[in-house]
């Protein structure tokens, strides 16, 4: 799974850029905004997992 692709950012993206993109996508796919939409819920989980890895310098270094 390519976390950069999930968030739609370049590998050189800064932590701040990743945060901005994450917030935008999280709001779009949040289960409360898409009740009953299993695809949106799954996408939200992927986005959250990607952000958890890429926002942590140690985890990001392991992923890269």
C-alpha atoms as a PDB file:
ATOM      1  CA  UNK A   1       0.000   0.000   0.000  1.00  0.00           C
ATOM      2  CA  UNK A   2       1.456   3.352  -1.049  1.00  0.00           C
ATOM      3  CA  UNK A   3       0.501   5.923   1.570  1.00  0.00           C
ATOM      4  CA  UNK A   4       1.682   8.798  -0.600  1.00  0.00           C
ATOM      5  CA  UNK A   5      -0.640   7.674  -3.382  1.00  0.00           C
ATOM      6  CA  UNK A   6      -3.561   7.303  -0.965  1.00  0.00           C
ATOM      7  CA  UNK A   7      -3.159  10.917   0.124  1.00  0.00           C
ATOM      8  CA  UNK A   8      -2.224  12.100  -3.361  1.00  0.00           C
ATOM      9  CA  UNK A   9       1.027  13.762  -2.306  1.00  0.00           C
ATOM     10  CA  UNK A  10       4.609  13.574  -3.559  1.00  0.00           C
ATOM     11  CA  UNK A  11       7.222  11.683  -1.552  1.00  0.00           C
ATOM     12  CA  UNK A  12       8.940  15.021  -0.959  1.00  0.00           C
ATOM     13  CA  UNK A  13       5.823  16.555   0.647  1.00  0.00           C
ATOM     14  CA  UNK A  14       6.387  18.283   3.972  1.00  0.00           C
ATOM     15  CA  UNK A  15       4.591  17.233   7.140  1.00  0.00           C
ATOM     16  CA  UNK A  16       2.499  20.414   6.917  1.00  0.00           C
ATOM     17  CA  UNK A  17       1.465  19.630   3.336  1.00  0.00           C
ATOM     18  CA  UNK A  18       0.494  16.109   4.352  1.00  0.00           C
ATOM     19  CA  UNK A  19      -1.561  17.482   7.238  1.00  0.00           C
ATOM     20  CA  UNK A  20      -3.497  19.875   4.974  1.00  0.00           C
ATOM     21  CA  UNK A  21      -4.290  17.132   2.460  1.00  0.00           C
ATOM     22  CA  UNK A  22      -5.256  14.703   5.232  1.00  0.00           C
ATOM     23  CA  UNK A  23      -7.712  17.157   6.792  1.00  0.00           C
ATOM     24  CA  UNK A  24      -9.341  17.877   3.429  1.00  0.00           C
ATOM     25  CA  UNK A  25      -9.727  14.186   2.580  1.00  0.00           C
ATOM     26  CA  UNK A  26     -10.822  13.226   6.097  1.00  0.00           C
ATOM     27  CA  UNK A  27     -13.635  15.769   5.982  1.00  0.00           C
ATOM     28  CA  UNK A  28     -14.714  14.542   2.539  1.00  0.00           C
ATOM     29  CA  UNK A  29     -14.788  10.833   3.444  1.00  0.00           C
ATOM     30  CA  UNK A  30     -15.718  10.999   7.140  1.00  0.00           C
ATOM     31  CA  UNK A  31     -18.430   8.435   8.029  1.00  0.00           C
ATOM     32  CA  UNK A  32     -20.601  11.152   9.590  1.00  0.00           C
ATOM     33  CA  UNK A  33     -20.705  12.954   6.218  1.00  0.00           C
ATOM     34  CA  UNK A  34     -21.346   9.700   4.330  1.00  0.00           C
ATOM     35  CA  UNK A  35     -23.714   7.626   6.490  1.00  0.00           C
ATOM     36  CA  UNK A  36     -24.119   4.088   5.211  1.00  0.00           C
ATOM     37  CA  UNK A  37     -21.453   4.456   2.510  1.00  0.00           C
ATOM     38  CA  UNK A  38     -19.075   1.553   3.094  1.00  0.00           C
ATOM     39  CA  UNK A  39     -16.669   2.696   0.360  1.00  0.00           C
ATOM     40  CA  UNK A  40     -16.306   6.133   1.949  1.00  0.00           C
ATOM     41  CA  UNK A  41     -15.764   4.493   5.339  1.00  0.00           C
ATOM     42  CA  UNK A  42     -13.029   2.233   3.940  1.00  0.00           C
ATOM     43  CA  UNK A  43     -11.394   5.185   2.173  1.00  0.00           C
ATOM     44  CA  UNK A  44     -11.477   7.147   5.442  1.00  0.00           C
ATOM     45  CA  UNK A  45      -9.694   4.279   7.218  1.00  0.00           C
ATOM     46  CA  UNK A  46      -7.011   4.167   4.517  1.00  0.00           C
ATOM     47  CA  UNK A  47      -6.531   7.938   4.699  1.00  0.00           C
ATOM     48  CA  UNK A  48      -6.235   7.801   8.490  1.00  0.00           C
ATOM     49  CA  UNK A  49      -3.700   4.966   8.353  1.00  0.00           C
ATOM     50  CA  UNK A  50      -1.649   6.799   5.729  1.00  0.00           C
ATOM     51  CA  UNK A  51      -1.625   9.972   7.811  1.00  0.00           C
ATOM     52  CA  UNK A  52      -0.657   8.065  10.970  1.00  0.00           C
ATOM     53  CA  UNK A  53       2.431   6.713   9.209  1.00  0.00           C
ATOM     54  CA  UNK A  54       3.455   9.776   7.210  1.00  0.00           C
ATOM     55  CA  UNK A  55       2.952  12.283  10.032  1.00  0.00           C
ATOM     56  CA  UNK A  56       5.319  10.398  12.356  1.00  0.00           C
ATOM     57  CA  UNK A  57       8.967  10.940  11.322  1.00  0.00           C
ATOM     58  CA  UNK A  58      10.102   7.522  12.605  1.00  0.00           C
ATOM     59  CA  UNK A  59       7.285   5.596  10.913  1.00  0.00           C
ATOM     60  CA  UNK A  60       7.726   7.620   7.733  1.00  0.00           C
ATOM     61  CA  UNK A  61      11.450   6.811   7.643  1.00  0.00           C
ATOM     62  CA  UNK A  62      10.662   3.095   7.993  1.00  0.00           C
ATOM     63  CA  UNK A  63       8.044   3.311   5.245  1.00  0.00           C
ATOM     64  CA  UNK A  64      10.357   5.176   2.873  1.00  0.00           C
END
